[in-house]
Amino acid sequence: MIPPLFRRCPECGHWSWSGRFPVVAGVDERSLVECPACGHRFEPADNLMRN
């Protein structure tokens, strides 16, 4: 069984299921997610496109 993925906003500290953070357009083929609480956009640590 795969454990659930949690995500935490580095700006405000909000945390939730990774699916609750909407994926927004990124820069240079990197995906960014947006915090539903404060709107801060950041690159998640579990980004599969990361080199």
N, C-alpha and C. Protein backbone atom coordinates (compact mmCIF):
# COMPACT_ATOMS: atom_id res chain seq x y z
N MET A 1 0.83 -1.19 0.00
CA MET A 1 0.00 0.00 0.00
C MET A 1 0.88 1.24 0.00
N ILE A 2 0.54 2.22 -0.82
CA ILE A 2 1.28 3.48 -0.90
C ILE A 2 0.73 4.43 0.16
N PRO A 3 1.60 5.00 0.99
CA PRO A 3 1.12 5.93 2.01
C PRO A 3 0.59 7.21 1.38
N PRO A 4 -0.37 7.87 2.02
CA PRO A 4 -0.90 9.12 1.48
C PRO A 4 0.17 10.20 1.47
N LEU A 5 0.11 11.07 0.47
CA LEU A 5 1.07 12.15 0.37
C LEU A 5 0.49 13.43 0.95
N PHE A 6 1.23 14.02 1.86
CA PHE A 6 0.83 15.28 2.46
C PHE A 6 1.71 16.37 1.88
N ARG A 7 1.17 17.56 1.79
CA ARG A 7 1.93 18.68 1.28
C ARG A 7 1.78 19.83 2.26
N ARG A 8 2.85 20.62 2.44
CA ARG A 8 2.85 21.73 3.37
C ARG A 8 3.35 22.98 2.66
N CYS A 9 2.63 24.07 2.83
CA CYS A 9 3.01 25.34 2.21
C CYS A 9 4.19 25.94 2.99
N PRO A 10 5.29 26.28 2.30
CA PRO A 10 6.43 26.88 3.00
C PRO A 10 6.17 28.32 3.46
N GLU A 11 5.16 28.96 2.91
CA GLU A 11 4.86 30.35 3.25
C GLU A 11 4.03 30.47 4.53
N CYS A 12 2.88 29.78 4.56
CA CYS A 12 1.96 29.94 5.69
C CYS A 12 1.88 28.72 6.61
N GLY A 13 2.46 27.59 6.16
CA GLY A 13 2.45 26.39 6.99
C GLY A 13 1.21 25.52 6.83
N HIS A 14 0.28 25.92 5.97
CA HIS A 14 -0.93 25.12 5.74
C HIS A 14 -0.53 23.75 5.21
N TRP A 15 -1.15 22.68 5.71
CA TRP A 15 -0.86 21.35 5.20
C TRP A 15 -2.17 20.61 4.95
N SER A 16 -2.12 19.72 3.97
CA SER A 16 -3.30 18.95 3.59
C SER A 16 -2.85 17.82 2.67
N TRP A 17 -3.81 17.08 2.16
CA TRP A 17 -3.52 16.04 1.17
C TRP A 17 -2.90 16.70 -0.05
N SER A 18 -2.00 16.03 -0.72
CA SER A 18 -1.34 16.62 -1.89
C SER A 18 -2.34 16.94 -2.99
N GLY A 19 -3.45 16.21 -3.08
CA GLY A 19 -4.45 16.47 -4.10
C GLY A 19 -5.24 17.75 -3.88
N ARG A 20 -5.16 18.31 -2.68
CA ARG A 20 -5.89 19.56 -2.38
C ARG A 20 -5.15 20.80 -2.85
N PHE A 21 -3.89 20.65 -3.22
CA PHE A 21 -3.09 21.76 -3.72
C PHE A 21 -3.17 21.72 -5.25
N PRO A 22 -3.89 22.66 -5.88
CA PRO A 22 -4.03 22.61 -7.34
C PRO A 22 -2.71 22.87 -8.05
N VAL A 23 -2.48 22.12 -9.12
CA VAL A 23 -1.28 22.30 -9.95
C VAL A 23 -1.53 23.45 -10.91
N VAL A 24 -0.59 24.38 -10.96
CA VAL A 24 -0.69 25.53 -11.85
C VAL A 24 0.46 25.47 -12.85
N ALA A 25 0.39 26.27 -13.89
CA ALA A 25 1.43 26.28 -14.92
C ALA A 25 2.77 26.62 -14.29
N GLY A 26 3.78 25.88 -14.72
CA GLY A 26 5.10 26.10 -14.17
C GLY A 26 6.02 26.78 -15.17
N VAL A 27 7.25 26.96 -14.77
CA VAL A 27 8.28 27.58 -15.58
C VAL A 27 9.29 26.50 -15.98
N ASP A 28 9.71 26.50 -17.24
CA ASP A 28 10.71 25.53 -17.72
C ASP A 28 10.30 24.09 -17.45
N GLU A 29 9.06 23.75 -17.74
CA GLU A 29 8.52 22.40 -17.58
C GLU A 29 8.49 21.90 -16.14
N ARG A 30 8.58 22.80 -15.17
CA ARG A 30 8.46 22.42 -13.76
C ARG A 30 7.04 22.72 -13.32
N SER A 31 6.46 21.79 -12.61
CA SER A 31 5.11 22.00 -12.09
C SER A 31 5.17 22.80 -10.80
N LEU A 32 4.25 23.73 -10.66
CA LEU A 32 4.10 24.50 -9.43
C LEU A 32 2.74 24.18 -8.86
N VAL A 33 2.64 24.19 -7.55
CA VAL A 33 1.35 24.02 -6.89
C VAL A 33 1.02 25.31 -6.16
N GLU A 34 -0.28 25.51 -5.93
CA GLU A 34 -0.74 26.73 -5.27
C GLU A 34 -1.41 26.36 -3.95
N CYS A 35 -1.02 27.03 -2.89
CA CYS A 35 -1.62 26.79 -1.58
C CYS A 35 -3.07 27.28 -1.58
N PRO A 36 -4.02 26.42 -1.18
CA PRO A 36 -5.42 26.86 -1.16
C PRO A 36 -5.72 27.88 -0.06
N ALA A 37 -4.85 27.98 0.94
CA ALA A 37 -5.09 28.91 2.04
C ALA A 37 -4.59 30.32 1.74
N CYS A 38 -3.36 30.43 1.21
CA CYS A 38 -2.79 31.76 1.03
C CYS A 38 -2.49 32.11 -0.43
N GLY A 39 -2.53 31.15 -1.35
CA GLY A 39 -2.29 31.41 -2.75
C GLY A 39 -0.82 31.40 -3.16
N HIS A 40 0.08 31.07 -2.23
CA HIS A 40 1.51 31.02 -2.54
C HIS A 40 1.78 29.87 -3.51
N ARG A 41 2.59 30.13 -4.55
CA ARG A 41 2.94 29.10 -5.53
C ARG A 41 4.37 28.64 -5.27
N PHE A 42 4.56 27.32 -5.28
CA PHE A 42 5.88 26.76 -5.01
C PHE A 42 6.06 25.44 -5.73
N GLU A 43 7.31 25.03 -5.91
CA GLU A 43 7.62 23.75 -6.52
C GLU A 43 7.63 22.69 -5.43
N PRO A 44 6.81 21.65 -5.55
CA PRO A 44 6.76 20.63 -4.52
C PRO A 44 8.01 19.75 -4.52
N ALA A 45 8.33 19.20 -3.38
CA ALA A 45 9.50 18.33 -3.26
C ALA A 45 9.31 17.03 -4.00
N ASP A 46 8.06 16.62 -4.22
CA ASP A 46 7.77 15.36 -4.91
C ASP A 46 7.52 15.55 -6.39
N ASN A 47 8.06 16.63 -6.95
CA ASN A 47 7.87 16.93 -8.37
C ASN A 47 8.57 15.88 -9.21
N LEU A 48 7.82 15.17 -10.04
CA LEU A 48 8.37 14.08 -10.84
C LEU A 48 9.19 14.59 -12.03
N MET A 49 9.01 15.83 -12.41
CA MET A 49 9.75 16.39 -13.56
C MET A 49 11.11 16.95 -13.15
N ARG A 50 11.43 16.89 -11.89
CA ARG A 50 12.66 17.46 -11.38
C ARG A 50 13.86 16.67 -11.88
N ASN A 51 14.93 17.37 -12.29
CA ASN A 51 16.15 16.70 -12.78
C ASN A 51 17.19 16.67 -11.71
